[in-house]
């Protein structure tokens, strides 16, 4: 996260005594990334954050791969993923490589019976349907339709949903999410030509502090395994913190598209980046305004990356028969472009209302059994005239 933020109470000098009002000391914890080099925050706990009482069980949650080496364009009908009551049970991995997992979820109930921590990956949750609050030990973030939620690895959290019809597109990344470097100056401030600014971020607020002892379950995901830990104190016992490593939200509706006289390449839509893939937001915008412009994207070869598009809302001009919740995969090795007729019908159009999220990975993606269960089976032939 490129901005400094703080909540609650903490001492003026780090790594010094911070006394409780009724005696004793608070317990400091460094919540950092990339060893001691990356973004970090300092948290102050009411109790030691290390008190494990019991490990109940561990079980495998690794994605089940159906196609390991894929070169076939796919269309996945995402809304066919069946809802599940439990938040973690509802998450279905679709596309996987050694850098990330891309999946869908349709949770029906809030995550309140236990706490969750992903010890391996930062998480991006895109809220397609639903409304509620992300609750963490660093504060709460209200969310709604169109919000990205960025949850750093190691973050302990719960989710309250105000609705039962919830749809989430998610990405687990084994490298941190950042805002694109080309949008920032040397100190990390977003520049004037950036399609969003610091004012657009939803930062944690309403720091909940619980001074409770008992049995508190935290499900911890690590190396494809889920481990059920019982801690002796409430995980949300932080009285204050400050720093640069914390969860935050960003609404896709606050992305300001960059347009031009002729068709602009996908990098102008970039919203987040990691060292291994990028995330782009395709938002309602004016089309190209050259008198001879062709608003439809030109054919292009996927030489260096697999392209994943998650369709959210609006009219998807470049494709035929696309619906909400569909995912298309255009794998590296073969070119792709607008569907037959899309180029011609785009000429003369002045605006698009499309809304979509794109993930371009630099390593090929494997296809899971869950993905093949909702594949339409014929998308790769959709470019035939």
Protein backbone atom coordinates (compact mmCIF):
# COMPACT_ATOMS: atom_id res chain seq x y z
CA UNK A 1 0.00 0.00 0.00
CA UNK A 2 1.59 3.32 -1.03
CA UNK A 3 0.16 5.50 1.78
CA UNK A 4 0.78 5.75 5.52
CA UNK A 5 -2.18 5.00 7.78
CA UNK A 6 -2.78 4.62 11.51
CA UNK A 7 -5.56 3.67 13.92
CA UNK A 8 -5.90 3.56 17.69
CA UNK A 9 -3.15 4.15 20.22
CA UNK A 10 0.57 3.41 20.06
CA UNK A 11 3.78 4.82 21.60
CA UNK A 12 5.61 7.77 20.08
CA UNK A 13 8.80 5.72 19.63
CA UNK A 14 8.73 2.25 18.08
CA UNK A 15 10.15 -0.76 19.94
CA UNK A 16 9.69 0.94 23.32
CA UNK A 17 7.52 0.19 26.35
CA UNK A 18 3.80 0.85 25.84
CA UNK A 19 2.03 0.61 29.18
CA UNK A 20 -1.55 -0.48 29.71
CA UNK A 21 -3.77 1.89 31.75
CA UNK A 22 -4.20 -0.72 34.50
CA UNK A 23 -0.62 -1.98 34.48
CA UNK A 24 1.43 -4.25 32.30
CA UNK A 25 2.63 -3.76 28.75
CA UNK A 26 1.07 -4.11 25.33
CA UNK A 27 2.77 -6.53 22.95
CA UNK A 28 4.31 -5.16 19.76
CA UNK A 29 4.20 -7.14 16.50
CA UNK A 30 5.86 -6.30 13.20
CA UNK A 31 3.47 -7.11 10.35
CA UNK A 32 5.85 -6.93 7.40
CA UNK A 33 6.51 -8.17 3.89
CA UNK A 34 9.56 -9.32 1.96
CA UNK A 35 11.51 -9.99 5.13
CA UNK A 36 12.31 -6.61 6.68
CA UNK A 37 12.50 -4.83 3.32
CA UNK A 38 8.91 -4.42 2.08
CA UNK A 39 5.87 -2.58 3.39
CA UNK A 40 5.21 -3.11 7.08
CA UNK A 41 3.10 -1.98 10.02
CA UNK A 42 3.62 -2.15 13.78
CA UNK A 43 0.71 -3.55 15.78
CA UNK A 44 0.14 -3.39 19.53
CA UNK A 45 -1.74 -6.34 21.07
CA UNK A 46 -3.51 -6.61 24.41
CA UNK A 47 -2.23 -10.21 24.70
CA UNK A 48 0.69 -12.07 23.18
CA UNK A 49 -0.31 -12.92 19.58
CA UNK A 50 1.57 -16.22 19.82
CA UNK A 51 -0.57 -18.29 22.20
CA UNK A 52 -1.48 -21.52 20.40
CA UNK A 53 -3.50 -23.91 22.59
CA UNK A 54 -4.12 -26.70 20.11
CA UNK A 55 -3.91 -27.74 16.45
CA UNK A 56 -7.08 -29.67 15.69
CA UNK A 57 -6.49 -30.96 12.18
CA UNK A 58 -4.89 -30.28 8.82
CA UNK A 59 -6.31 -31.16 5.43
CA UNK A 60 -5.51 -30.70 1.76
CA UNK A 61 -7.28 -27.88 -0.11
CA UNK A 62 -5.03 -27.84 -3.19
CA UNK A 63 -6.83 -27.26 -6.50
CA UNK A 64 -7.57 -30.41 -8.49
CA UNK A 65 -6.00 -29.96 -11.91
CA UNK A 66 -7.85 -31.24 -14.98
CA UNK A 67 -5.62 -29.80 -17.74
CA UNK A 68 -2.00 -29.14 -16.84
CA UNK A 69 -0.75 -27.87 -20.22
CA UNK A 70 -3.55 -25.94 -21.86
CA UNK A 71 -3.62 -24.14 -25.22
CA UNK A 72 -7.39 -24.12 -25.68
CA UNK A 73 -9.44 -20.92 -25.36
CA UNK A 74 -12.14 -21.44 -22.74
CA UNK A 75 -15.38 -19.80 -21.70
CA UNK A 76 -16.44 -20.56 -18.12
CA UNK A 77 -20.02 -19.81 -17.06
CA UNK A 78 -19.21 -18.42 -13.65
CA UNK A 79 -22.72 -18.04 -12.28
CA UNK A 80 -23.10 -21.83 -12.61
CA UNK A 81 -20.83 -22.17 -9.57
CA UNK A 82 -23.23 -23.31 -6.87
CA UNK A 83 -23.58 -21.19 -3.73
CA UNK A 84 -22.34 -22.60 -0.43
CA UNK A 85 -23.07 -21.44 3.09
CA UNK A 86 -19.48 -21.41 4.33
CA UNK A 87 -17.14 -18.69 3.01
CA UNK A 88 -14.13 -20.97 2.46
CA UNK A 89 -16.18 -23.89 1.12
CA UNK A 90 -17.72 -21.56 -1.46
CA UNK A 91 -14.33 -20.67 -3.00
CA UNK A 92 -13.69 -22.66 -6.16
CA UNK A 93 -10.31 -22.36 -7.90
CA UNK A 94 -10.61 -22.12 -11.69
CA UNK A 95 -7.16 -21.32 -13.11
CA UNK A 96 -3.85 -21.93 -11.37
CA UNK A 97 -0.10 -21.57 -11.80
CA UNK A 98 2.85 -21.34 -9.41
CA UNK A 99 2.26 -17.58 -9.00
CA UNK A 100 -1.47 -17.29 -8.41
CA UNK A 101 -4.88 -18.93 -8.09
CA UNK A 102 -7.88 -17.39 -9.86
CA UNK A 103 -11.29 -18.46 -8.66
CA UNK A 104 -14.95 -17.81 -7.98
CA UNK A 105 -17.01 -17.85 -4.81
CA UNK A 106 -20.70 -17.63 -3.94
CA UNK A 107 -20.88 -17.53 -0.12
CA UNK A 108 -24.35 -17.35 1.42
CA UNK A 109 -23.44 -16.65 5.03
CA UNK A 110 -21.06 -14.41 6.93
CA UNK A 111 -17.73 -15.74 8.11
CA UNK A 112 -18.18 -15.42 11.88
CA UNK A 113 -17.76 -18.95 13.32
CA UNK A 114 -13.98 -18.82 12.92
CA UNK A 115 -11.20 -16.53 11.73
CA UNK A 116 -9.20 -16.97 8.54
CA UNK A 117 -5.59 -16.31 7.57
CA UNK A 118 -3.92 -16.97 4.21
CA UNK A 119 -0.27 -17.49 5.18
CA UNK A 120 0.93 -17.91 1.58
CA UNK A 121 -0.82 -15.35 -0.58
CA UNK A 122 -2.14 -11.82 -0.77
CA UNK A 123 -5.83 -11.94 -1.71
CA UNK A 124 -7.80 -9.78 -4.13
CA UNK A 125 -11.57 -10.15 -3.70
CA UNK A 126 -13.69 -8.46 -6.37
CA UNK A 127 -17.26 -8.04 -5.18
CA UNK A 128 -19.59 -8.74 -8.10
CA UNK A 129 -22.70 -9.20 -5.97
CA UNK A 130 -23.21 -8.48 -2.32
CA UNK A 131 -22.62 -5.94 0.41
CA UNK A 132 -21.08 -6.09 3.84
CA UNK A 133 -18.00 -5.45 5.96
CA UNK A 134 -14.50 -6.91 5.90
CA UNK A 135 -13.46 -7.25 9.56
CA UNK A 136 -9.75 -7.52 10.40
CA UNK A 137 -7.43 -7.09 13.36
CA UNK A 138 -6.37 -3.78 11.73
CA UNK A 139 -9.88 -2.36 11.36
CA UNK A 140 -12.99 -2.74 9.24
CA UNK A 141 -13.77 -1.89 5.60
CA UNK A 142 -17.36 -1.66 4.32
CA UNK A 143 -17.73 -3.07 0.79
CA UNK A 144 -20.32 -3.21 -1.98
CA UNK A 145 -20.78 -4.08 -5.65
CA UNK A 146 -17.71 -3.19 -7.69
CA UNK A 147 -15.20 -3.09 -4.84
CA UNK A 148 -11.77 -4.65 -4.93
CA UNK A 149 -10.60 -5.75 -1.48
CA UNK A 150 -6.84 -6.22 -1.12
CA UNK A 151 -5.98 -8.42 1.87
CA UNK A 152 -2.25 -8.88 2.59
CA UNK A 153 -0.97 -12.35 3.41
CA UNK A 154 -0.99 -13.09 7.12
CA UNK A 155 -4.02 -10.87 7.71
CA UNK A 156 -6.53 -12.40 10.14
CA UNK A 157 -10.04 -11.59 9.00
CA UNK A 158 -13.75 -12.32 9.00
CA UNK A 159 -16.48 -11.14 6.61
CA UNK A 160 -20.00 -9.95 7.41
CA UNK A 161 -22.46 -10.13 4.51
CA UNK A 162 -25.69 -8.16 4.54
CA UNK A 163 -26.97 -10.32 1.66
CA UNK A 164 -27.23 -14.02 0.81
CA UNK A 165 -26.78 -13.67 -2.97
CA UNK A 166 -23.06 -12.94 -3.05
CA UNK A 167 -20.68 -13.43 -5.98
CA UNK A 168 -16.91 -12.92 -5.72
CA UNK A 169 -14.11 -13.14 -8.29
CA UNK A 170 -10.87 -13.68 -6.41
CA UNK A 171 -7.13 -13.91 -7.03
CA UNK A 172 -4.60 -15.33 -4.58
CA UNK A 173 -1.11 -13.99 -5.34
CA UNK A 174 2.17 -15.37 -4.00
CA UNK A 175 3.78 -11.96 -4.58
CA UNK A 176 2.43 -8.67 -3.16
CA UNK A 177 -0.13 -6.47 -4.94
CA UNK A 178 1.02 -2.95 -5.76
CA UNK A 179 -0.38 0.00 -7.67
CA UNK A 180 1.46 0.28 -11.03
CA UNK A 181 4.91 1.86 -10.80
CA UNK A 182 4.43 4.05 -13.87
CA UNK A 183 1.57 5.85 -12.08
CA UNK A 184 3.83 6.92 -9.16
CA UNK A 185 6.71 9.25 -8.42
CA UNK A 186 9.87 8.19 -6.59
CA UNK A 187 8.23 8.56 -3.16
CA UNK A 188 5.20 6.46 -4.15
CA UNK A 189 2.63 9.23 -4.62
CA UNK A 190 0.20 8.66 -7.48
CA UNK A 191 0.85 11.07 -10.33
CA UNK A 192 -1.55 13.37 -12.16
CA UNK A 193 -1.90 11.01 -15.12
CA UNK A 194 -2.88 8.06 -12.91
CA UNK A 195 -6.47 6.82 -13.50
CA UNK A 196 -7.08 6.95 -9.73
CA UNK A 197 -5.61 8.67 -6.67
CA UNK A 198 -5.17 8.13 -2.94
CA UNK A 199 -8.58 9.71 -2.24
CA UNK A 200 -10.23 6.73 -3.93
CA UNK A 201 -8.91 4.10 -1.51
CA UNK A 202 -11.13 2.66 1.22
CA UNK A 203 -8.86 2.49 4.27
CA UNK A 204 -9.50 0.51 7.47
CA UNK A 205 -11.56 2.25 10.14
CA UNK A 206 -13.49 1.27 13.29
CA UNK A 207 -10.72 -0.66 15.01
CA UNK A 208 -12.39 -3.37 17.11
CA UNK A 209 -10.43 -4.37 20.22
CA UNK A 210 -11.47 -7.46 22.20
CA UNK A 211 -9.81 -8.25 25.53
CA UNK A 212 -11.00 -11.86 25.71
CA UNK A 213 -9.51 -15.22 26.64
CA UNK A 214 -10.97 -18.56 25.56
CA UNK A 215 -10.87 -20.86 22.54
CA UNK A 216 -10.67 -19.02 19.21
CA UNK A 217 -10.35 -20.98 15.97
CA UNK A 218 -8.20 -19.61 13.17
CA UNK A 219 -8.10 -21.53 9.90
CA UNK A 220 -4.68 -20.98 8.35
CA UNK A 221 -3.97 -21.80 4.71
CA UNK A 222 -0.37 -22.70 3.88
CA UNK A 223 1.18 -24.74 1.04
CA UNK A 224 -2.16 -26.05 -0.15
CA UNK A 225 -3.17 -27.22 3.33
CA UNK A 226 -5.76 -25.84 5.74
CA UNK A 227 -4.73 -25.97 9.40
CA UNK A 228 -7.21 -25.45 12.25
CA UNK A 229 -5.54 -23.68 15.18
CA UNK A 230 -7.04 -22.84 18.57
CA UNK A 231 -5.66 -19.64 20.06
CA UNK A 232 -6.01 -18.66 23.71
CA UNK A 233 -7.02 -15.03 23.08
CA UNK A 234 -9.27 -13.15 20.68
CA UNK A 235 -7.35 -12.38 17.43
CA UNK A 236 -8.85 -8.86 17.27
CA UNK A 237 -7.06 -7.53 20.38
CA UNK A 238 -5.05 -4.77 18.65
CA UNK A 239 -5.31 -1.38 20.41
CA UNK A 240 -3.43 0.53 17.74
CA UNK A 241 -1.09 0.36 14.77
CA UNK A 242 0.61 2.42 12.11
CA UNK A 243 2.45 1.76 8.87
CA UNK A 244 2.05 0.86 5.22
CA UNK A 245 0.94 -2.80 5.26
CA UNK A 246 -2.82 -3.16 5.77
CA UNK A 247 -5.99 -4.20 3.91
CA UNK A 248 -7.76 -1.66 1.74
CA UNK A 249 -10.55 -1.33 -0.79
CA UNK A 250 -10.89 0.34 -4.17
CA UNK A 251 -14.07 0.65 -6.23
CA UNK A 252 -13.84 -0.18 -9.93
CA UNK A 253 -16.33 2.67 -10.40
CA UNK A 254 -13.60 5.11 -9.30
CA UNK A 255 -11.23 4.05 -12.09
CA UNK A 256 -11.00 6.90 -14.62
CA UNK A 257 -10.36 5.39 -18.09
CA UNK A 258 -7.59 6.70 -20.33
CA UNK A 259 -8.82 7.14 -23.92
CA UNK A 260 -7.34 8.32 -27.21
CA UNK A 261 -7.97 9.06 -30.88
CA UNK A 262 -7.17 5.43 -31.75
CA UNK A 263 -7.61 2.22 -29.78
CA UNK A 264 -5.54 2.13 -26.60
CA UNK A 265 -3.70 -1.05 -25.51
CA UNK A 266 -4.74 -2.96 -22.36
CA UNK A 267 -2.00 -1.46 -20.11
CA UNK A 268 -3.98 1.82 -19.92
CA UNK A 269 -6.56 -0.14 -17.91
CA UNK A 270 -4.02 -1.49 -15.41
CA UNK A 271 -5.12 -1.20 -11.77
CA UNK A 272 -2.77 -3.49 -9.82
CA UNK A 273 0.48 -5.27 -10.52
CA UNK A 274 2.63 -7.97 -9.01
CA UNK A 275 5.98 -9.30 -10.16
CA UNK A 276 4.18 -12.13 -11.98
CA UNK A 277 0.86 -10.79 -13.32
CA UNK A 278 -1.24 -7.63 -13.73
CA UNK A 279 -4.89 -6.76 -13.03
CA UNK A 280 -6.82 -4.37 -15.30
CA UNK A 281 -10.25 -2.71 -15.02
CA UNK A 282 -12.34 -2.18 -18.16
CA UNK A 283 -14.84 0.53 -17.32
CA UNK A 284 -17.52 2.63 -19.08
CA UNK A 285 -15.71 5.12 -21.31
CA UNK A 286 -15.77 7.10 -24.53
CA UNK A 287 -14.55 5.24 -27.59
CA UNK A 288 -11.69 6.34 -29.84
CA UNK A 289 -12.41 9.58 -31.67
CA UNK A 290 -10.23 9.42 -34.80
CA UNK A 291 -12.61 9.79 -37.79
CA UNK A 292 -11.46 6.38 -39.08
CA UNK A 293 -11.14 4.68 -35.69
CA UNK A 294 -12.15 1.07 -35.06
CA UNK A 295 -13.26 0.89 -31.41
CA UNK A 296 -13.06 -2.92 -31.28
CA UNK A 297 -9.68 -4.22 -30.09
CA UNK A 298 -7.32 -5.36 -32.82
CA UNK A 299 -6.27 -8.99 -33.12
CA UNK A 300 -3.21 -9.68 -31.01
CA UNK A 301 -0.99 -12.64 -30.23
CA UNK A 302 -0.70 -13.99 -26.72
CA UNK A 303 3.01 -14.65 -26.87
CA UNK A 304 4.07 -13.82 -23.32
CA UNK A 305 0.97 -14.17 -21.16
CA UNK A 306 -2.31 -15.94 -20.56
CA UNK A 307 -5.25 -13.51 -20.61
CA UNK A 308 -8.22 -13.98 -18.26
CA UNK A 309 -11.30 -11.75 -18.54
CA UNK A 310 -14.06 -11.73 -15.94
CA UNK A 311 -17.21 -10.08 -17.29
CA UNK A 312 -19.08 -8.01 -14.72
CA UNK A 313 -21.72 -5.87 -16.40
CA UNK A 314 -22.73 -3.96 -19.54
CA UNK A 315 -22.42 -4.74 -23.24
CA UNK A 316 -19.18 -6.52 -24.11
CA UNK A 317 -18.60 -5.08 -27.56
CA UNK A 318 -15.72 -7.34 -28.63
CA UNK A 319 -17.43 -10.66 -27.93
CA UNK A 320 -20.68 -12.41 -28.87
CA UNK A 321 -23.02 -14.09 -26.38
CA UNK A 322 -21.16 -12.98 -23.26
CA UNK A 323 -23.08 -12.77 -19.98
CA UNK A 324 -22.43 -11.60 -16.43
CA UNK A 325 -20.09 -13.87 -14.54
CA UNK A 326 -18.49 -15.42 -17.62
CA UNK A 327 -14.73 -15.96 -17.65
CA UNK A 328 -12.76 -16.25 -20.87
CA UNK A 329 -9.24 -17.64 -21.04
CA UNK A 330 -7.07 -16.73 -24.03
CA UNK A 331 -3.88 -18.80 -23.54
CA UNK A 332 -0.41 -17.84 -24.70
CA UNK A 333 0.63 -19.36 -28.01
CA UNK A 334 -2.38 -18.47 -30.17
CA UNK A 335 -3.75 -15.07 -31.31
CA UNK A 336 -7.20 -13.83 -30.42
CA UNK A 337 -9.32 -10.80 -31.17
CA UNK A 338 -12.89 -9.57 -31.61
CA UNK A 339 -15.57 -12.11 -32.48
CA UNK A 340 -16.85 -12.22 -36.07
CA UNK A 341 -18.90 -9.09 -36.75
CA UNK A 342 -17.68 -7.26 -33.62
CA UNK A 343 -15.15 -5.13 -35.49
CA UNK A 344 -17.68 -4.02 -38.09
CA UNK A 345 -20.48 -3.21 -35.65
CA UNK A 346 -18.11 -1.20 -33.43
CA UNK A 347 -17.44 1.36 -36.19
CA UNK A 348 -19.31 4.57 -35.46
CA UNK A 349 -19.98 3.69 -31.82
CA UNK A 350 -19.02 6.46 -29.39
CA UNK A 351 -19.29 4.93 -25.92
CA UNK A 352 -19.22 1.61 -24.08
CA UNK A 353 -20.82 0.64 -20.78
CA UNK A 354 -18.78 -2.55 -20.35
CA UNK A 355 -17.38 -3.48 -16.94
CA UNK A 356 -14.81 -6.26 -16.65
CA UNK A 357 -11.73 -7.37 -14.72
CA UNK A 358 -8.71 -8.74 -16.59
CA UNK A 359 -5.81 -10.76 -15.20
CA UNK A 360 -2.76 -11.32 -17.43
CA UNK A 361 -0.32 -13.91 -16.07
CA UNK A 362 3.24 -14.30 -17.31
CA UNK A 363 3.22 -18.07 -16.72
CA UNK A 364 0.68 -20.43 -18.33
CA UNK A 365 -2.41 -21.30 -16.33
CA UNK A 366 -3.55 -24.81 -15.52
CA UNK A 367 -7.28 -25.55 -15.63
CA UNK A 368 -9.01 -27.11 -12.62
CA UNK A 369 -11.77 -29.70 -12.44
CA UNK A 370 -14.09 -27.01 -11.07
CA UNK A 371 -13.42 -24.92 -14.19
CA UNK A 372 -14.04 -27.76 -16.61
CA UNK A 373 -17.40 -28.38 -14.93
CA UNK A 374 -18.63 -24.95 -16.13
CA UNK A 375 -16.77 -24.76 -19.48
CA UNK A 376 -19.06 -24.24 -22.49
CA UNK A 377 -16.89 -26.63 -24.54
CA UNK A 378 -16.99 -24.67 -27.80
CA UNK A 379 -15.60 -21.19 -27.18
CA UNK A 380 -12.31 -21.95 -28.96
CA UNK A 381 -14.30 -22.18 -32.24
CA UNK A 382 -16.12 -18.86 -31.74
CA UNK A 383 -13.86 -17.02 -34.21
CA UNK A 384 -15.02 -19.12 -37.17
CA UNK A 385 -17.05 -17.09 -39.68
